[in-house]
C-alpha atoms as a PDB file:
ATOM      1  CA  LEU A   1      -1.345  -4.420  18.162  1.00  0.00           C
ATOM      2  CA  ALA A   2       0.773  -2.691  15.538  1.00  0.00           C
ATOM      3  CA  LYS A   3       1.264  -6.026  13.798  1.00  0.00           C
ATOM      4  CA  TYR A   4      -2.496  -6.549  13.592  1.00  0.00           C
ATOM      5  CA  GLU A   5      -3.162  -3.000  12.433  1.00  0.00           C
ATOM      6  CA  ASN A   6      -0.585  -3.391   9.668  1.00  0.00           C
ATOM      7  CA  GLN A   7      -2.409  -6.498   8.456  1.00  0.00           C
ATOM      8  CA  VAL A   8      -5.742  -4.685   8.103  1.00  0.00           C
ATOM      9  CA  ALA A   9      -4.839  -2.993   4.802  1.00  0.00           C
ATOM     10  CA  GLU A  10      -3.545  -6.270   3.386  1.00  0.00           C
ATOM     11  CA  LYS A  11      -6.656  -8.177   4.448  1.00  0.00           C
ATOM     12  CA  THR A  12      -8.949  -5.443   3.127  1.00  0.00           C
ATOM     13  CA  ALA A  13      -7.236  -5.585  -0.265  1.00  0.00           C
ATOM     14  CA  GLU A  14      -7.546  -9.375  -0.236  1.00  0.00           C
ATOM     15  CA  VAL A  15     -11.275  -9.130   0.510  1.00  0.00           C
ATOM     16  CA  ALA A  16     -11.791  -6.739  -2.397  1.00  0.00           C
ATOM     17  CA  LYS A  17      -9.745  -8.912  -4.751  1.00  0.00           C
ATOM     18  CA  THR A  18     -11.522 -12.143  -3.852  1.00  0.00           C
ATOM     19  CA  ALA A  19     -14.952 -10.513  -4.012  1.00  0.00           C
ATOM     20  CA  GLU A  20     -14.174  -9.183  -7.479  1.00  0.00           C
ATOM     21  CA  GLN A  21     -12.947 -12.598  -8.616  1.00  0.00           C
ATOM     22  CA  ALA A  22     -16.041 -14.282  -7.192  1.00  0.00           C
ATOM     23  CA  GLN A  23     -18.249 -11.833  -9.081  1.00  0.00           C
ATOM     24  CA  LYS A  24     -16.363 -12.454 -12.328  1.00  0.00           C
ATOM     25  CA  SER A  25     -16.692 -16.211 -11.855  1.00  0.00           C
ATOM     26  CA  ALA A  26     -20.402 -15.906 -11.149  1.00  0.00           C
ATOM     27  CA  ASP A  27     -20.891 -13.778 -14.271  1.00  0.00           C
ATOM     28  CA  GLU A  28     -18.933 -16.259 -16.383  1.00  0.00           C
ATOM     29  CA  ASN A  29     -20.946 -19.106 -14.916  1.00  0.00           C
ATOM     30  CA  GLY A  30     -24.153 -17.346 -15.911  1.00  0.00           C
ATOM     31  CA  LYS A  31     -22.925 -16.913 -19.470  1.00  0.00           C
ATOM     32  CA  VAL A  32     -21.884 -20.548 -19.779  1.00  0.00           C
ATOM     33  CA  ALA A  33     -25.150 -21.748 -18.273  1.00  0.00           C
ATOM     34  CA  SER A  34     -27.184 -19.666 -20.698  1.00  0.00           C
ATOM     35  CA  ARG A  35     -25.230 -21.142 -23.615  1.00  0.00           C
ATOM     36  CA  LEU A  36     -25.940 -24.606 -22.269  1.00  0.00           C
ATOM     37  CA  SER A  37     -29.663 -23.926 -21.970  1.00  0.00           C
ATOM     38  CA  GLY A  38     -29.805 -23.452 -25.724  1.00  0.00           C
ATOM     39  CA  ASN A  39     -28.560 -26.987 -26.332  1.00  0.00           C
ATOM     40  CA  ALA A  40     -28.920 -29.203 -23.280  1.00  0.00           C
ATOM     41  CA  GLN A  41     -27.461 -32.260 -25.061  1.00  0.00           C
ATOM     42  CA  ASP A  42     -24.084 -30.660 -25.826  1.00  0.00           C
ATOM     43  CA  LYS A  43     -21.599 -32.577 -23.668  1.00  0.00           C
ATOM     44  CA  LYS A  44     -18.774 -30.057 -24.108  1.00  0.00           C
ATOM     45  CA  ALA A  45     -21.020 -27.192 -23.053  1.00  0.00           C
ATOM     46  CA  ALA A  46     -22.215 -29.223 -20.080  1.00  0.00           C
ATOM     47  CA  LYS A  47     -18.663 -29.894 -18.998  1.00  0.00           C
ATOM     48  CA  ARG A  48     -17.774 -26.189 -19.353  1.00  0.00           C
ATOM     49  CA  ALA A  49     -20.835 -25.262 -17.317  1.00  0.00           C
ATOM     50  CA  ARG A  50     -19.944 -27.767 -14.603  1.00  0.00           C
ATOM     51  CA  LYS A  51     -16.359 -26.473 -14.411  1.00  0.00           C
ATOM     52  CA  SER A  52     -17.527 -22.873 -14.408  1.00  0.00           C
ATOM     53  CA  ALA A  53     -19.979 -23.605 -11.605  1.00  0.00           C
ATOM     54  CA  SER A  54     -17.319 -25.251  -9.474  1.00  0.00           C
ATOM     55  CA  THR A  55     -14.931 -22.348 -10.103  1.00  0.00           C
ATOM     56  CA  ALA A  56     -17.615 -19.860  -9.094  1.00  0.00           C
ATOM     57  CA  GLU A  57     -18.356 -21.872  -5.954  1.00  0.00           C
ATOM     58  CA  ARG A  58     -14.678 -22.055  -5.024  1.00  0.00           C
ATOM     59  CA  ASP A  59     -14.154 -18.326  -5.592  1.00  0.00           C
ATOM     60  CA  ALA A  60     -17.230 -17.478  -3.524  1.00  0.00           C
ATOM     61  CA  LYS A  61     -15.892 -19.640  -0.700  1.00  0.00           C
ATOM     62  CA  ARG A  62     -12.537 -17.837  -0.870  1.00  0.00           C
ATOM     63  CA  ALA A  63     -14.300 -14.476  -0.726  1.00  0.00           C
ATOM     64  CA  ARG A  64     -16.326 -15.521   2.324  1.00  0.00           C
ATOM     65  CA  LYS A  65     -13.190 -16.819   4.024  1.00  0.00           C
ATOM     66  CA  ALA A  66     -11.275 -13.599   3.313  1.00  0.00           C
ATOM     67  CA  GLU A  67     -14.160 -11.566   4.752  1.00  0.00           C
ATOM     68  CA  SER A  68     -14.222 -13.801   7.812  1.00  0.00           C
ATOM     69  CA  ASN A  69     -10.466 -13.409   8.293  1.00  0.00           C
ATOM     70  CA  LEU A  70     -10.764  -9.623   8.117  1.00  0.00           C
ATOM     71  CA  SER A  71     -13.635  -9.650  10.594  1.00  0.00           C
ATOM     72  CA  THR A  72     -11.653 -11.826  12.998  1.00  0.00           C
ATOM     73  CA  LEU A  73      -8.639  -9.545  12.684  1.00  0.00           C
ATOM     74  CA  GLN A  74     -10.757  -6.501  13.468  1.00  0.00           C
ATOM     75  CA  LYS A  75     -12.264  -8.249  16.504  1.00  0.00           C
ATOM     76  CA  ASN A  76      -8.769  -9.148  17.705  1.00  0.00           C
ATOM     77  CA  ILE A  77      -7.654  -5.538  17.352  1.00  0.00           C
ATOM     78  CA  GLU A  78     -10.643  -4.259  19.338  1.00  0.00           C
ATOM     79  CA  SER A  79     -10.095  -6.893  22.015  1.00  0.00           C
ATOM     80  CA  LEU A  80      -6.423  -6.031  22.313  1.00  0.00           C
ATOM     81  CA  LYS A  81      -7.195  -2.305  22.524  1.00  0.00           C
ATOM     82  CA  SER A  82      -9.674  -3.024  25.288  1.00  0.00           C
ATOM     83  CA  LYS A  83      -7.140  -5.116  27.199  1.00  0.00           C
ATOM     84  CA  ILE A  84      -4.504  -2.401  26.826  1.00  0.00           C
ATOM     85  CA  ALA A  85      -6.937   0.222  28.114  1.00  0.00           C
ATOM     86  CA  ASP A  86      -7.812  -1.980  31.104  1.00  0.00           C
ATOM     87  CA  ASP A  87      -4.157  -2.598  31.874  1.00  0.00           C
ATOM     88  CA  GLU A  88      -3.366   1.118  31.665  1.00  0.00           C
ATOM     89  CA  LYS A  89      -6.278   1.871  33.982  1.00  0.00           C
ATOM     90  CA  LYS A  90      -5.044  -0.705  36.506  1.00  0.00           C
ATOM     91  CA  LEU A  91      -1.512   0.664  36.255  1.00  0.00           C
ATOM     92  CA  SER A  92      -2.661   4.229  36.879  1.00  0.00           C
ATOM     93  CA  GLN A  93      -4.659   3.070  39.923  1.00  0.00           C
ATOM     94  CA  MET A  94      -1.540   1.391  41.349  1.00  0.00           C
ATOM     95  CA  GLN A  95       0.485   4.561  41.209  1.00  0.00           C
END
């Protein structure tokens, strides 16, 4: 339980970091896409836009995964607390 609780701060920081990075990537992707819309035939701009879009997609996926990991960790902590409480209740009934 202590091990899990110690990981919460780390996972929370990771969620914040990945969410911030995903937002930056999405903003950058928007900028690159707007530059491309001005000249749709520019191959270099198209390549930059494609790369920016894939980076934004990858960062968003990382952010979702970090959030999922934190959620799972919190569920595990609650489950473990519940099991500990049940075990303590059983132990007190035995005495």
